[in-house]
Amino acid sequence: MKIYNNPNVNKIMRKYQNNVSRTNEVGKTQFKQDKLEISSSAKEFQLAMNAVKKLPDVRQNKVDDIKEKINKGQYNPSTKDVAKKMLNNANLII
């Protein structure tokens, strides 16, 4: 059986060729690149956070001063002040 002179086959082949050319055109579309903009307040916040990160976790000079007072027997914190600090840190006193 020969199919190349059949009008129905020719019609189907034209449809197929049209679909193939359309899919090739769709594949040629240009893609837009993503864009990100950071607000000025976000930039300022980032600078502040970087500055905070650079700070030491412990104020070593204060720790050394208290250690020295403890070793000399001169460190006598008030029990009320210690209790207040403990409760404030636990968020029990407003």
C-alpha atoms as a PDB file:
ATOM      1  CA  MET A   1       0.000   0.000   0.000  1.00  0.00           C
ATOM      2  CA  LYS A   2       1.347   3.400  -0.995  1.00  0.00           C
ATOM      3  CA  ILE A   3       0.530   6.331   1.290  1.00  0.00           C
ATOM      4  CA  TYR A   4       2.367   9.290  -0.213  1.00  0.00           C
ATOM      5  CA  ASN A   5      -0.341  10.336  -2.677  1.00  0.00           C
ATOM      6  CA  ASN A   6      -3.225   9.856  -0.314  1.00  0.00           C
ATOM      7  CA  PRO A   7      -5.016  13.218   0.337  1.00  0.00           C
ATOM      8  CA  ASN A   8      -5.795  12.309   3.956  1.00  0.00           C
ATOM      9  CA  VAL A   9      -2.164  11.536   4.695  1.00  0.00           C
ATOM     10  CA  ASN A  10      -1.084  14.795   3.041  1.00  0.00           C
ATOM     11  CA  LYS A  11      -3.567  16.723   5.188  1.00  0.00           C
ATOM     12  CA  ILE A  12      -2.237  15.076   8.352  1.00  0.00           C
ATOM     13  CA  MET A  13       1.362  15.804   7.329  1.00  0.00           C
ATOM     14  CA  ARG A  14       0.573  19.511   6.801  1.00  0.00           C
ATOM     15  CA  LYS A  15      -0.997  19.679  10.267  1.00  0.00           C
ATOM     16  CA  TYR A  16       2.034  17.966  11.732  1.00  0.00           C
ATOM     17  CA  GLN A  17       4.424  20.391   9.994  1.00  0.00           C
ATOM     18  CA  ASN A  18       2.411  23.383  11.273  1.00  0.00           C
ATOM     19  CA  ASN A  19       2.547  22.058  14.833  1.00  0.00           C
ATOM     20  CA  VAL A  20       6.285  21.388  14.615  1.00  0.00           C
ATOM     21  CA  SER A  21       6.997  24.905  13.350  1.00  0.00           C
ATOM     22  CA  ARG A  22       4.877  26.437  16.136  1.00  0.00           C
ATOM     23  CA  THR A  23       6.672  24.436  18.824  1.00  0.00           C
ATOM     24  CA  ASN A  24      10.019  25.567  17.437  1.00  0.00           C
ATOM     25  CA  GLU A  25       8.864  29.193  17.633  1.00  0.00           C
ATOM     26  CA  VAL A  26       7.795  28.739  21.264  1.00  0.00           C
ATOM     27  CA  GLY A  27      11.230  27.345  22.105  1.00  0.00           C
ATOM     28  CA  LYS A  28      12.856  30.542  20.801  1.00  0.00           C
ATOM     29  CA  THR A  29      11.253  32.842  23.365  1.00  0.00           C
ATOM     30  CA  GLN A  30      13.581  34.990  25.436  1.00  0.00           C
ATOM     31  CA  PHE A  31      13.685  34.547  29.160  1.00  0.00           C
ATOM     32  CA  LYS A  32      13.676  37.527  31.477  1.00  0.00           C
ATOM     33  CA  GLN A  33      16.267  37.531  34.215  1.00  0.00           C
ATOM     34  CA  ASP A  34      15.201  37.759  37.828  1.00  0.00           C
ATOM     35  CA  LYS A  35      15.840  41.074  39.520  1.00  0.00           C
ATOM     36  CA  LEU A  36      16.245  41.815  43.211  1.00  0.00           C
ATOM     37  CA  GLU A  37      16.222  45.269  44.770  1.00  0.00           C
ATOM     38  CA  ILE A  38      17.125  45.878  48.404  1.00  0.00           C
ATOM     39  CA  SER A  39      15.607  48.931  50.075  1.00  0.00           C
ATOM     40  CA  SER A  40      17.801  51.516  51.756  1.00  0.00           C
ATOM     41  CA  SER A  41      16.359  50.672  55.182  1.00  0.00           C
ATOM     42  CA  ALA A  42      17.235  46.996  54.618  1.00  0.00           C
ATOM     43  CA  LYS A  43      20.797  48.021  53.704  1.00  0.00           C
ATOM     44  CA  GLU A  44      21.051  50.108  56.888  1.00  0.00           C
ATOM     45  CA  PHE A  45      19.717  47.184  58.913  1.00  0.00           C
ATOM     46  CA  GLN A  46      22.292  44.901  57.320  1.00  0.00           C
ATOM     47  CA  LEU A  47      25.104  47.313  58.250  1.00  0.00           C
ATOM     48  CA  ALA A  48      23.850  47.490  61.842  1.00  0.00           C
ATOM     49  CA  MET A  49      23.612  43.698  62.094  1.00  0.00           C
ATOM     50  CA  ASN A  50      27.155  43.296  60.779  1.00  0.00           C
ATOM     51  CA  ALA A  51      28.394  45.804  63.375  1.00  0.00           C
ATOM     52  CA  VAL A  52      26.602  43.904  66.167  1.00  0.00           C
ATOM     53  CA  LYS A  53      28.063  40.598  64.975  1.00  0.00           C
ATOM     54  CA  LYS A  54      31.564  42.046  65.254  1.00  0.00           C
ATOM     55  CA  LEU A  55      31.061  42.934  68.927  1.00  0.00           C
ATOM     56  CA  PRO A  56      32.484  40.442  71.422  1.00  0.00           C
ATOM     57  CA  ASP A  57      29.996  38.280  73.312  1.00  0.00           C
ATOM     58  CA  VAL A  58      31.688  39.012  76.648  1.00  0.00           C
ATOM     59  CA  ARG A  59      32.995  42.321  77.955  1.00  0.00           C
ATOM     60  CA  GLN A  60      36.307  40.883  79.047  1.00  0.00           C
ATOM     61  CA  ASN A  61      37.446  43.977  80.948  1.00  0.00           C
ATOM     62  CA  LYS A  62      34.338  43.823  83.176  1.00  0.00           C
ATOM     63  CA  VAL A  63      34.839  40.097  83.777  1.00  0.00           C
ATOM     64  CA  ASP A  64      38.490  40.658  84.705  1.00  0.00           C
ATOM     65  CA  ASP A  65      37.531  43.485  87.096  1.00  0.00           C
ATOM     66  CA  ILE A  66      34.976  41.317  88.906  1.00  0.00           C
ATOM     67  CA  LYS A  67      37.408  38.381  89.089  1.00  0.00           C
ATOM     68  CA  GLU A  68      40.009  40.662  90.644  1.00  0.00           C
ATOM     69  CA  LYS A  69      37.501  41.944  93.229  1.00  0.00           C
ATOM     70  CA  ILE A  70      36.475  38.349  94.074  1.00  0.00           C
ATOM     71  CA  ASN A  71      40.115  37.292  94.539  1.00  0.00           C
ATOM     72  CA  LYS A  72      40.762  40.284  96.839  1.00  0.00           C
ATOM     73  CA  GLY A  73      37.553  39.627  98.765  1.00  0.00           C
ATOM     74  CA  GLN A  74      36.136  43.013  97.794  1.00  0.00           C
ATOM     75  CA  TYR A  75      33.165  41.811  95.710  1.00  0.00           C
ATOM     76  CA  ASN A  76      29.990  42.038  97.765  1.00  0.00           C
ATOM     77  CA  PRO A  77      26.933  42.447  95.570  1.00  0.00           C
ATOM     78  CA  SER A  78      23.675  43.261  97.305  1.00  0.00           C
ATOM     79  CA  THR A  79      21.337  40.277  97.551  1.00  0.00           C
ATOM     80  CA  LYS A  80      18.421  42.493  96.508  1.00  0.00           C
ATOM     81  CA  ASP A  81      20.254  43.561  93.338  1.00  0.00           C
ATOM     82  CA  VAL A  82      21.102  39.938  92.509  1.00  0.00           C
ATOM     83  CA  ALA A  83      17.461  38.872  93.048  1.00  0.00           C
ATOM     84  CA  LYS A  84      16.163  41.770  90.909  1.00  0.00           C
ATOM     85  CA  LYS A  85      18.553  40.902  88.084  1.00  0.00           C
ATOM     86  CA  MET A  86      17.555  37.246  88.223  1.00  0.00           C
ATOM     87  CA  LEU A  87      13.846  38.064  88.125  1.00  0.00           C
ATOM     88  CA  ASN A  88      14.290  40.675  85.383  1.00  0.00           C
ATOM     89  CA  ASN A  89      16.181  38.152  83.277  1.00  0.00           C
ATOM     90  CA  ALA A  90      13.343  35.668  83.812  1.00  0.00           C
ATOM     91  CA  ASN A  91      10.823  38.367  82.768  1.00  0.00           C
ATOM     92  CA  LEU A  92       8.915  38.057  86.026  1.00  0.00           C
ATOM     93  CA  ILE A  93       9.166  41.745  86.962  1.00  0.00           C
ATOM     94  CA  ILE A  94       7.852  44.388  84.596  1.00  0.00           C
END
